[in-house]
Structures are given as C-alpha cells and as structure tokens.
Amino acid sequence: MADTILILAGGLIFFAIVFAVIRLIIGRTVVDRVAAVDLLTVISISMIALYAHVGGRFIYLDVALVYGVLSFLAVVATARYLERGL
C-alpha cells in the first residue's frame, strides 16, 4: 500500500512539473513566470522530501527546509523589484 502511494506521489509531481513548465513557457506577464518559477521550487522541495522518505535519508529534509526559506526570500525580493524597484 505504501509503495502505491509513493508511486502516485511521484506521478503527481511529474504532472505538476509539466504544468508548471507550460505556465513558464506561455506565461503572458512577468508575474505569471515568477509564479511558475515559485511553483517549480515548491515542486522540487516536494521531490526532495519524497526522496528523503524513499531513501531513508532524513537529513535531506533540512536541505528542503533551507531551500524553501531561500526560495521565499527570492520571491519576496523579485516581487519588491517588480512593484517599485530595489
């Protein structure tokens, strides 16, 4: 049962990557593209967490946490730049 759930999670992550890349390519505005890049970072964090669970290496969860914080700061800086400049 657990293997089925892990395979399903991997499939959902794959479809999320496909849809995020499509949004990145056909995004009409810069904001759409920034949102797509942010979505790709969230997806990569979920991939790291899934790999940590499958591999039994839970130190990777710390990596995912740091990556999430850095991604948040990058999106905030980008939003500030797009809103009024640095």
N, C-alpha and C. Protein backbone atom coordinates (compact mmCIF):
# COMPACT_ATOMS: atom_id res chain seq x y z
N MET A 1 0.81 -1.20 0.00
CA MET A 1 0.00 0.00 0.00
C MET A 1 0.86 1.27 0.00
N ALA A 2 1.93 1.23 0.78
CA ALA A 2 2.80 2.40 0.86
C ALA A 2 3.52 2.63 -0.46
N ASP A 3 3.89 1.54 -1.14
CA ASP A 3 4.55 1.69 -2.44
C ASP A 3 3.62 2.33 -3.46
N THR A 4 2.35 1.99 -3.41
CA THR A 4 1.37 2.57 -4.32
C THR A 4 1.23 4.06 -4.08
N ILE A 5 1.22 4.45 -2.84
CA ILE A 5 1.10 5.88 -2.51
C ILE A 5 2.34 6.64 -2.96
N LEU A 6 3.53 6.05 -2.81
CA LEU A 6 4.75 6.71 -3.25
C LEU A 6 4.79 6.84 -4.78
N ILE A 7 4.33 5.82 -5.49
CA ILE A 7 4.28 5.89 -6.95
C ILE A 7 3.28 6.95 -7.39
N LEU A 8 2.14 7.01 -6.71
CA LEU A 8 1.13 8.03 -7.02
C LEU A 8 1.68 9.43 -6.76
N ALA A 9 2.41 9.59 -5.67
CA ALA A 9 3.01 10.90 -5.37
C ALA A 9 4.03 11.29 -6.43
N GLY A 10 4.81 10.34 -6.88
CA GLY A 10 5.78 10.62 -7.94
C GLY A 10 5.10 11.01 -9.24
N GLY A 11 4.02 10.35 -9.57
CA GLY A 11 3.27 10.69 -10.77
C GLY A 11 2.65 12.08 -10.69
N LEU A 12 2.11 12.42 -9.54
CA LEU A 12 1.53 13.75 -9.36
C LEU A 12 2.61 14.83 -9.44
N ILE A 13 3.77 14.55 -8.91
CA ILE A 13 4.87 15.51 -9.00
C ILE A 13 5.28 15.70 -10.46
N PHE A 14 5.31 14.60 -11.22
CA PHE A 14 5.64 14.70 -12.64
C PHE A 14 4.65 15.58 -13.38
N PHE A 15 3.35 15.37 -13.16
CA PHE A 15 2.35 16.20 -13.83
C PHE A 15 2.42 17.66 -13.38
N ALA A 16 2.76 17.89 -12.13
CA ALA A 16 2.91 19.26 -11.64
C ALA A 16 4.09 19.94 -12.34
N ILE A 17 5.17 19.20 -12.58
CA ILE A 17 6.31 19.78 -13.30
C ILE A 17 5.92 20.14 -14.72
N VAL A 18 5.18 19.25 -15.37
CA VAL A 18 4.76 19.51 -16.76
C VAL A 18 3.90 20.77 -16.83
N PHE A 19 2.92 20.88 -15.94
CA PHE A 19 2.04 22.05 -15.97
C PHE A 19 2.76 23.34 -15.59
N ALA A 20 3.72 23.25 -14.66
CA ALA A 20 4.47 24.44 -14.28
C ALA A 20 5.37 24.91 -15.41
N VAL A 21 5.98 23.99 -16.14
CA VAL A 21 6.82 24.38 -17.27
C VAL A 21 5.98 24.98 -18.39
N ILE A 22 4.79 24.43 -18.60
CA ILE A 22 3.88 25.01 -19.59
C ILE A 22 3.53 26.45 -19.20
N ARG A 23 3.23 26.68 -17.92
CA ARG A 23 2.91 28.04 -17.46
C ARG A 23 4.12 28.95 -17.60
N LEU A 24 5.30 28.40 -17.38
CA LEU A 24 6.52 29.20 -17.52
C LEU A 24 6.74 29.60 -18.98
N ILE A 25 6.44 28.71 -19.90
CA ILE A 25 6.66 29.00 -21.31
C ILE A 25 5.61 29.95 -21.87
N ILE A 26 4.34 29.71 -21.56
CA ILE A 26 3.28 30.52 -22.18
C ILE A 26 2.78 31.63 -21.28
N GLY A 27 3.48 31.89 -20.18
CA GLY A 27 3.08 32.98 -19.30
C GLY A 27 3.12 34.32 -20.03
N ARG A 28 2.04 35.06 -19.95
CA ARG A 28 1.95 36.31 -20.69
C ARG A 28 2.67 37.46 -20.01
N THR A 29 2.71 37.43 -18.69
CA THR A 29 3.36 38.52 -17.96
C THR A 29 4.53 37.98 -17.15
N VAL A 30 5.30 38.89 -16.63
CA VAL A 30 6.43 38.50 -15.79
C VAL A 30 5.94 37.88 -14.50
N VAL A 31 4.81 38.35 -14.01
CA VAL A 31 4.26 37.82 -12.77
C VAL A 31 3.87 36.35 -12.94
N ASP A 32 3.31 35.99 -14.10
CA ASP A 32 2.99 34.59 -14.38
C ASP A 32 4.24 33.73 -14.36
N ARG A 33 5.30 34.24 -14.93
CA ARG A 33 6.55 33.48 -14.98
C ARG A 33 7.19 33.35 -13.60
N VAL A 34 7.11 34.40 -12.81
CA VAL A 34 7.64 34.33 -11.44
C VAL A 34 6.84 33.32 -10.62
N ALA A 35 5.53 33.32 -10.79
CA ALA A 35 4.69 32.35 -10.08
C ALA A 35 5.03 30.92 -10.52
N ALA A 36 5.32 30.73 -11.80
CA ALA A 36 5.68 29.40 -12.29
C ALA A 36 7.02 28.95 -11.72
N VAL A 37 7.97 29.86 -11.63
CA VAL A 37 9.27 29.51 -11.04
C VAL A 37 9.10 29.18 -9.56
N ASP A 38 8.26 29.93 -8.86
CA ASP A 38 7.99 29.63 -7.46
C ASP A 38 7.33 28.27 -7.32
N LEU A 39 6.43 27.96 -8.23
CA LEU A 39 5.79 26.64 -8.21
C LEU A 39 6.81 25.54 -8.45
N LEU A 40 7.75 25.77 -9.35
CA LEU A 40 8.79 24.77 -9.59
C LEU A 40 9.69 24.56 -8.37
N THR A 41 9.92 25.62 -7.60
CA THR A 41 10.71 25.43 -6.38
C THR A 41 9.93 24.63 -5.33
N VAL A 42 8.64 24.88 -5.24
CA VAL A 42 7.81 24.09 -4.32
C VAL A 42 7.78 22.63 -4.75
N ILE A 43 7.70 22.39 -6.05
CA ILE A 43 7.70 21.02 -6.56
C ILE A 43 9.05 20.36 -6.27
N SER A 44 10.13 21.09 -6.44
CA SER A 44 11.44 20.50 -6.16
C SER A 44 11.61 20.21 -4.66
N ILE A 45 11.02 21.02 -3.81
CA ILE A 45 11.05 20.75 -2.38
C ILE A 45 10.28 19.45 -2.08
N SER A 46 9.16 19.27 -2.75
CA SER A 46 8.40 18.02 -2.54
C SER A 46 9.16 16.83 -3.09
N MET A 47 9.91 17.00 -4.18
CA MET A 47 10.74 15.91 -4.69
C MET A 47 11.84 15.55 -3.70
N ILE A 48 12.45 16.55 -3.10
CA ILE A 48 13.49 16.30 -2.10
C ILE A 48 12.90 15.56 -0.91
N ALA A 49 11.72 15.96 -0.47
CA ALA A 49 11.09 15.29 0.67
C ALA A 49 10.71 13.86 0.32
N LEU A 50 10.23 13.63 -0.88
CA LEU A 50 9.88 12.27 -1.30
C LEU A 50 11.13 11.41 -1.38
N TYR A 51 12.21 11.95 -1.92
CA TYR A 51 13.46 11.21 -1.99
C TYR A 51 14.00 10.91 -0.59
N ALA A 52 13.85 11.86 0.33
CA ALA A 52 14.30 11.62 1.71
C ALA A 52 13.53 10.48 2.34
N HIS A 53 12.25 10.40 2.04
CA HIS A 53 11.44 9.32 2.60
C HIS A 53 11.79 7.98 1.98
N VAL A 54 11.91 7.95 0.67
CA VAL A 54 12.21 6.70 -0.02
C VAL A 54 13.60 6.20 0.32
N GLY A 55 14.56 7.10 0.35
CA GLY A 55 15.94 6.71 0.62
C GLY A 55 16.26 6.54 2.09
N GLY A 56 15.37 6.99 2.95
CA GLY A 56 15.63 6.88 4.38
C GLY A 56 16.69 7.84 4.88
N ARG A 57 16.96 8.88 4.13
CA ARG A 57 17.97 9.87 4.50
C ARG A 57 17.24 11.16 4.88
N PHE A 58 16.87 11.27 6.12
CA PHE A 58 16.04 12.38 6.55
C PHE A 58 16.81 13.68 6.74
N ILE A 59 18.12 13.65 6.54
CA ILE A 59 18.90 14.88 6.56
C ILE A 59 18.52 15.76 5.39
N TYR A 60 17.99 15.15 4.32
CA TYR A 60 17.57 15.92 3.15
C TYR A 60 16.38 16.82 3.46
N LEU A 61 15.66 16.53 4.51
CA LEU A 61 14.56 17.41 4.90
C LEU A 61 15.08 18.77 5.35
N ASP A 62 16.26 18.77 5.96
CA ASP A 62 16.89 20.05 6.32
C ASP A 62 17.25 20.84 5.07
N VAL A 63 17.73 20.15 4.06
CA VAL A 63 18.06 20.79 2.80
C VAL A 63 16.80 21.40 2.18
N ALA A 64 15.71 20.64 2.21
CA ALA A 64 14.45 21.14 1.66
C ALA A 64 13.95 22.35 2.43
N LEU A 65 14.13 22.36 3.73
CA LEU A 65 13.71 23.50 4.55
C LEU A 65 14.52 24.76 4.21
N VAL A 66 15.81 24.62 4.10
CA VAL A 66 16.66 25.76 3.76
C VAL A 66 16.33 26.25 2.35
N TYR A 67 16.12 25.33 1.43
CA TYR A 67 15.76 25.69 0.06
C TYR A 67 14.44 26.43 0.02
N GLY A 68 13.49 26.03 0.86
CA GLY A 68 12.21 26.72 0.93
C GLY A 68 12.35 28.15 1.45
N VAL A 69 13.17 28.34 2.46
CA VAL A 69 13.38 29.68 3.01
C VAL A 69 14.06 30.58 1.98
N LEU A 70 15.07 30.05 1.29
CA LEU A 70 15.76 30.84 0.28
C LEU A 70 14.84 31.16 -0.89
N SER A 71 13.98 30.22 -1.25
CA SER A 71 13.02 30.46 -2.33
C SER A 71 12.02 31.54 -1.94
N PHE A 72 11.59 31.51 -0.70
CA PHE A 72 10.66 32.54 -0.23
C PHE A 72 11.31 33.92 -0.29
N LEU A 73 12.54 34.02 0.17
CA LEU A 73 13.23 35.30 0.13
C LEU A 73 13.44 35.79 -1.30
N ALA A 74 13.73 34.87 -2.21
CA ALA A 74 13.92 35.26 -3.61
C ALA A 74 12.63 35.76 -4.23
N VAL A 75 11.51 35.13 -3.91
CA VAL A 75 10.23 35.57 -4.46
C VAL A 75 9.84 36.93 -3.87
N VAL A 76 10.10 37.14 -2.61
CA VAL A 76 9.79 38.43 -2.00
C VAL A 76 10.65 39.53 -2.63
N ALA A 77 11.94 39.25 -2.85
CA ALA A 77 12.82 40.24 -3.48
C ALA A 77 12.38 40.52 -4.92
N THR A 78 11.98 39.50 -5.64
CA THR A 78 11.51 39.69 -7.01
C THR A 78 10.23 40.49 -7.04
N ALA A 79 9.32 40.18 -6.14
CA ALA A 79 8.06 40.94 -6.08
C ALA A 79 8.30 42.40 -5.74
N ARG A 80 9.22 42.64 -4.82
CA ARG A 80 9.54 44.03 -4.47
C ARG A 80 10.15 44.77 -5.66
N TYR A 81 11.04 44.07 -6.39
CA TYR A 81 11.65 44.68 -7.56
C TYR A 81 10.61 44.99 -8.63
N LEU A 82 9.70 44.08 -8.86
CA LEU A 82 8.66 44.31 -9.89
C LEU A 82 7.68 45.39 -9.47
N GLU A 83 7.46 45.52 -8.18
CA GLU A 83 6.49 46.50 -7.70
C GLU A 83 7.02 47.93 -7.79
N ARG A 84 8.23 48.16 -7.29
CA ARG A 84 8.73 49.53 -7.27
C ARG A 84 10.23 49.65 -7.44
N GLY A 85 10.90 48.56 -7.67
CA GLY A 85 12.36 48.61 -7.84
C GLY A 85 13.06 48.51 -6.51
N LEU A 86 14.31 48.12 -6.54
CA LEU A 86 15.08 47.98 -5.29
C LEU A 86 15.65 49.30 -4.96
